Protein backbone atom coordinates (compact mmCIF):
# COMPACT_ATOMS: atom_id res chain seq x y z
CA MET A 1 -39.58 17.47 54.16
CA ARG A 2 -36.90 15.53 52.32
CA ARG A 3 -33.40 16.67 53.15
CA VAL A 4 -30.74 16.60 50.41
CA LEU A 5 -27.04 17.32 50.81
CA ILE A 6 -25.21 18.53 47.69
CA LEU A 7 -21.44 18.37 47.69
CA GLY A 8 -20.91 21.32 45.43
CA GLY A 9 -18.69 24.02 44.12
CA THR A 10 -19.51 23.49 40.45
CA ALA A 11 -21.98 25.01 37.99
CA GLU A 12 -23.85 21.72 37.98
CA ALA A 13 -24.18 21.84 41.77
CA ARG A 14 -25.58 25.34 41.59
CA ALA A 15 -28.02 24.35 38.84
CA LEU A 16 -29.17 21.37 40.93
CA ALA A 17 -29.71 23.54 44.05
CA ALA A 18 -31.79 25.95 41.97
CA GLU A 19 -33.82 23.15 40.44
CA LEU A 20 -34.60 21.56 43.79
CA SER A 21 -35.46 24.94 45.25
CA GLY A 22 -38.09 25.53 42.55
CA GLY A 23 -36.90 29.02 41.72
CA LEU A 24 -36.75 30.04 45.39
CA PRO A 25 -34.88 33.35 45.85
CA ALA A 26 -31.61 32.93 47.68
CA GLU A 27 -32.68 35.19 50.58
CA LEU A 28 -35.68 33.06 51.54
CA PRO A 29 -35.59 29.99 53.86
CA ALA A 30 -35.02 26.66 52.14
CA GLU A 31 -38.09 25.22 53.82
CA LEU A 32 -40.28 27.29 51.46
CA SER A 33 -39.12 25.27 48.45
CA SER A 34 -42.02 24.34 46.15
CA ARG A 35 -40.36 20.97 45.51
CA GLY A 36 -40.76 19.78 49.17
CA VAL A 37 -36.96 19.52 49.47
CA HIS A 38 -34.61 21.16 51.95
CA VAL A 39 -31.30 21.59 50.15
CA VAL A 40 -27.96 22.02 51.86
CA SER A 41 -25.02 22.75 49.63
CA SER A 42 -21.53 22.05 51.01
CA LEU A 43 -18.52 23.96 49.70
CA ALA A 44 -15.01 22.83 50.51
CA GLY A 45 -13.83 26.45 50.95
CA ARG A 46 -10.73 26.02 48.70
CA VAL A 47 -11.63 29.00 46.44
CA SER A 48 -11.92 32.58 47.63
CA ASN A 49 -15.20 34.35 46.87
CA PRO A 50 -16.99 31.28 45.48
CA ARG A 51 -20.24 31.56 43.56
CA LEU A 52 -22.88 30.64 46.05
CA PRO A 53 -25.93 28.41 45.26
CA VAL A 54 -29.50 28.98 46.25
CA GLY A 55 -30.51 27.71 49.66
CA GLU A 56 -28.56 26.81 52.76
CA VAL A 57 -24.82 26.72 52.36
CA ARG A 58 -22.23 24.95 54.53
CA GLU A 59 -18.56 25.81 54.11
CA GLY A 60 -15.52 23.77 55.10
CA GLY A 61 -14.56 20.11 55.09
CA PHE A 62 -16.19 17.27 57.03
CA GLY A 63 -13.00 15.55 58.22
CA GLY A 64 -13.01 12.60 55.84
CA PRO A 65 -15.57 9.81 55.50
CA ASP A 66 -15.97 9.49 59.33
CA GLY A 67 -16.94 13.14 59.70
CA LEU A 68 -19.23 13.05 56.69
CA ALA A 69 -21.00 9.94 57.93
CA ALA A 70 -21.54 11.50 61.30
CA TRP A 71 -22.89 14.69 59.73
CA LEU A 72 -25.29 12.77 57.49
CA ALA A 73 -26.70 10.92 60.47
CA ALA A 74 -26.91 14.00 62.73
CA GLU A 75 -28.66 16.08 60.09
CA ARG A 76 -31.01 13.27 59.00
CA ILE A 77 -30.02 13.57 55.37
CA ASP A 78 -32.26 11.52 52.99
CA ALA A 79 -30.15 11.75 49.83
CA LEU A 80 -26.56 12.71 48.97
CA VAL A 81 -25.48 14.15 45.65
CA ASP A 82 -21.81 14.46 44.88
CA ALA A 83 -21.63 17.27 42.34
CA THR A 84 -17.99 18.20 43.04
CA HIS A 85 -15.33 18.70 40.37
CA PRO A 86 -14.66 15.58 38.27
CA PHE A 87 -11.12 15.51 39.67
CA ALA A 88 -12.18 15.73 43.35
CA ALA A 89 -11.45 12.02 43.73
CA ARG A 90 -10.78 12.12 47.46
CA MET A 91 -14.15 13.77 48.15
CA THR A 92 -15.99 11.35 45.96
CA ALA A 93 -14.30 8.42 47.69
CA SER A 94 -15.31 9.91 51.10
CA ALA A 95 -18.86 10.35 49.89
CA ALA A 96 -19.09 6.72 48.72
CA GLU A 97 -17.74 5.40 51.99
CA ALA A 98 -19.97 7.59 54.15
CA ALA A 99 -23.05 6.68 52.11
CA ALA A 100 -22.26 3.00 52.46
CA ARG A 101 -21.86 3.30 56.21
CA THR A 102 -25.07 5.26 56.77
CA GLY A 103 -27.30 3.80 54.10
CA VAL A 104 -27.89 7.23 52.63
CA PRO A 105 -28.43 6.93 48.84
CA LEU A 106 -25.63 8.47 46.80
CA LEU A 107 -25.72 9.88 43.29
CA VAL A 108 -22.73 11.41 41.41
CA LEU A 109 -23.50 14.33 39.07
CA ARG A 110 -20.76 14.92 36.56
CA ARG A 111 -20.84 16.99 33.37
CA PRO A 112 -19.73 15.07 30.28
CA GLY A 113 -16.00 15.10 29.45
CA TRP A 114 -14.56 16.68 26.38
CA ARG A 115 -14.12 14.71 23.14
CA GLU A 116 -11.42 15.19 20.56
CA GLY A 117 -12.73 16.47 17.26
CA PRO A 118 -11.48 17.15 13.74
CA GLY A 119 -8.44 19.35 13.78
CA ASP A 120 -7.51 18.57 17.38
CA THR A 121 -4.12 17.13 18.32
CA TRP A 122 -4.54 15.52 21.74
CA GLN A 123 -2.46 13.14 23.74
CA ARG A 124 -4.40 11.55 26.58
CA VAL A 125 -2.56 10.61 29.81
CA PRO A 126 -3.94 8.91 32.91
CA SER A 127 -2.71 11.35 35.55
CA LEU A 128 -0.99 14.68 36.30
CA HIS A 129 2.26 12.79 37.01
CA ALA A 130 2.03 11.18 33.57
CA ALA A 131 1.55 14.60 32.07
CA ALA A 132 4.64 15.91 33.81
CA ALA A 133 6.63 12.88 32.62
CA ARG A 134 5.47 13.57 29.03
CA LEU A 135 6.67 17.16 29.29
CA SER A 136 10.00 16.03 30.68
CA GLU A 137 10.45 13.58 27.82
CA THR A 138 9.63 16.23 25.25
CA ALA A 139 11.97 18.80 26.81
CA THR A 140 14.78 16.17 26.86
CA ARG A 141 14.30 15.41 23.20
CA LEU A 142 14.42 19.06 22.30
CA SER A 143 17.58 19.54 24.34
CA GLU A 144 19.28 16.52 22.73
CA ALA A 145 18.29 17.69 19.26
CA ALA A 146 19.64 21.16 20.04
CA ALA A 147 22.93 19.73 20.98
CA ARG A 148 23.20 18.03 17.63
CA ARG A 149 22.24 21.01 15.54
CA SER A 150 21.31 24.67 15.97
CA GLU A 151 18.36 25.15 18.32
CA ALA A 152 16.63 27.41 15.84
CA ALA A 153 16.48 24.45 13.46
CA VAL A 154 14.74 22.31 16.08
CA ARG A 155 12.05 24.77 17.04
CA PRO A 156 11.45 28.36 15.99
CA GLY A 157 12.59 30.71 18.74
CA GLY A 158 14.55 28.10 20.63
CA GLY A 159 14.62 28.19 24.38
CA PRO A 160 12.79 25.94 26.85
CA LEU A 161 9.58 23.99 26.16
CA ARG A 162 6.79 26.48 26.75
CA VAL A 163 3.73 25.05 28.43
CA PHE A 164 0.26 26.60 29.00
CA LEU A 165 -0.82 24.79 32.21
CA THR A 166 -4.51 24.92 33.22
CA THR A 167 -4.70 22.06 35.70
CA GLY A 168 -5.27 24.22 38.84
CA ARG A 169 -3.01 25.70 41.45
CA ARG A 170 -2.95 22.59 43.62
CA SER A 171 -1.37 20.63 40.79
CA LEU A 172 1.72 22.81 40.49
CA PRO A 173 3.93 20.75 42.85
CA VAL A 174 3.67 17.86 40.34
CA PHE A 175 5.45 19.98 37.76
CA THR A 176 8.40 21.11 39.94
CA GLY A 177 11.85 20.05 38.95
CA LEU A 178 11.19 19.80 35.18
CA ALA A 179 14.37 20.75 33.37
CA GLY A 180 14.01 22.76 30.21
CA VAL A 181 10.35 23.66 30.84
CA TRP A 182 8.71 27.05 31.22
CA LEU A 183 5.14 27.17 32.52
CA LEU A 184 2.30 29.64 32.08
CA ALA A 185 0.02 28.49 34.92
CA ARG A 186 -3.50 29.85 35.18
CA SER A 187 -5.50 29.62 38.44
CA VAL A 188 -8.25 31.39 40.28
CA ASP A 189 -6.24 31.92 43.47
CA PRO A 190 -2.49 32.26 44.01
CA PRO A 191 -0.69 28.89 44.39
CA GLU A 192 1.03 27.89 47.60
CA PRO A 193 4.60 26.53 47.73
CA PRO A 194 6.17 24.50 46.33
CA VAL A 195 5.89 25.97 42.83
CA PRO A 196 8.16 25.35 39.83
CA ASP A 197 11.15 27.67 39.39
CA HIS A 198 10.28 28.74 35.82
CA VAL A 199 6.60 29.62 36.07
CA HIS A 200 4.46 32.67 35.32
CA VAL A 201 1.21 32.53 37.27
CA LEU A 202 -1.83 34.12 35.66
CA LEU A 203 -4.71 34.73 38.05
CA ASP A 204 -8.04 34.62 36.24
CA ARG A 205 -11.49 33.10 36.61
CA GLY A 206 -13.69 31.70 33.84
CA PRO A 207 -15.80 31.58 31.87
CA TYR A 208 -13.29 32.37 29.11
CA THR A 209 -13.80 33.38 25.48
CA VAL A 210 -12.22 32.00 22.34
CA ASP A 211 -10.94 35.47 21.39
CA GLY A 212 -9.33 35.86 24.83
CA GLU A 213 -7.73 32.41 24.73
CA ARG A 214 -6.52 32.95 21.23
CA ALA A 215 -4.88 36.27 22.23
CA LEU A 216 -3.32 34.67 25.28
CA ILE A 217 -1.78 31.83 23.28
CA ARG A 218 -0.40 34.25 20.69
CA GLU A 219 1.05 36.45 23.39
CA HIS A 220 2.87 33.74 25.34
CA ARG A 221 3.59 31.37 22.41
CA PRO A 222 3.24 28.02 24.22
CA ASP A 223 4.36 24.81 22.50
CA VAL A 224 1.72 22.71 24.25
CA LEU A 225 -1.42 23.06 26.37
CA VAL A 226 -1.84 20.80 29.42
CA THR A 227 -5.26 20.54 30.85
CA LYS A 228 -7.63 18.19 32.76
CA ASP A 229 -10.71 16.69 31.18
CA SER A 230 -13.01 18.81 33.30
CA GLY A 231 -15.67 19.13 30.63
CA GLY A 232 -18.30 21.84 30.44
CA PRO A 233 -18.56 25.09 28.53
CA MET A 234 -16.83 27.42 31.02
CA THR A 235 -13.30 26.53 30.03
CA THR A 236 -13.72 24.89 26.61
CA ALA A 237 -12.63 28.04 24.78
CA LYS A 238 -8.97 27.16 25.27
CA LEU A 239 -9.48 23.92 23.32
CA VAL A 240 -11.15 25.79 20.45
CA ALA A 241 -8.32 28.29 20.33
CA ALA A 242 -5.73 25.49 20.51
CA ARG A 243 -7.43 23.74 17.57
CA GLU A 244 -7.53 26.94 15.50
CA LEU A 245 -3.85 27.73 16.19
CA GLY A 246 -2.55 24.18 15.81
CA LEU A 247 -1.51 23.91 19.45
CA PRO A 248 -1.07 20.31 20.72
CA VAL A 249 -2.95 19.35 23.87
CA ILE A 250 -1.98 16.93 26.66
CA MET A 251 -5.34 15.91 28.16
CA VAL A 252 -5.37 14.39 31.68
CA ASP A 253 -8.12 11.75 32.03
CA ARG A 254 -10.58 11.81 34.87
CA PRO A 255 -10.02 9.46 37.83
CA PRO A 256 -12.35 6.49 37.91
CA LEU A 257 -15.40 6.55 40.17
CA PRO A 258 -15.76 4.17 43.11
CA ALA A 259 -17.29 0.87 42.15
CA GLY A 260 -21.11 0.70 42.15
CA VAL A 261 -21.76 4.44 42.23
CA ARG A 262 -24.57 5.71 40.07
CA LEU A 263 -23.70 8.57 37.64
CA VAL A 264 -25.82 11.15 35.83
CA GLU A 265 -24.75 14.02 33.63
CA THR A 266 -27.45 16.68 34.11
CA ALA A 267 -28.97 18.63 36.94
CA ALA A 268 -32.44 17.71 35.76
CA GLU A 269 -31.65 13.97 36.15
CA ALA A 270 -30.11 14.53 39.56
CA ALA A 271 -33.14 16.62 40.69
CA ALA A 272 -35.58 13.91 39.67
CA TRP A 273 -33.54 11.34 41.62
CA ALA A 274 -33.12 13.53 44.69
CA GLN A 275 -36.85 14.12 45.00
CA GLY A 276 -37.39 10.43 45.45
């Protein structure tokens, strides 16, 4: 039986596990798959109470490319699919290195990124640090303008630059030390220190609705939305609400893939490849 390791934690990874299992109920052994494939899904364990895929599940890290390569060899893995988050650059790099060392074929499964449409006001930046720098520049301009004339004339309501931040709890240290910036930071789990001084953490898990995002934006009155180009339907509602309400967006681009890595965008394509 062909053995496939899925580096998961995403909706695409769960869909792939289900596809390769041929509709196998989660409580039955993976060896009974009608596809002739034994699927092992690996979760990093960074989110509490994760949604579990069908089939065998492994939780916890591998210990970098060395540990992953050793695990691939010991478990006689025939194919490796990296279906992690589009911003899990370190895991993807480890997967590429481990695959090259062991000769295990590697495929990357990534959902398509978001595209700016009519009515959107996006600024694309290459990294989280670039997003933080853009916020700092904007807050400085507002402060300087306020010094020249009344703050109310610069921006209704005055006060600090208000930011709706949806880049994940692990990104918060990048946004520490920003003068004149207030953050509404949404994450699934509570962030760990360091966190910015002026931040309100909202714990919530998608999928989100346009009505809910619209209400949230109206309640907290952000001046800008900062998000990563994660793609997919689970969190796109915030972009629709931002468009409707005229809220500008700073969009952080995805990190590039390692050279030579094959990429597909659907679970069906990945399943066809994994079955050999």
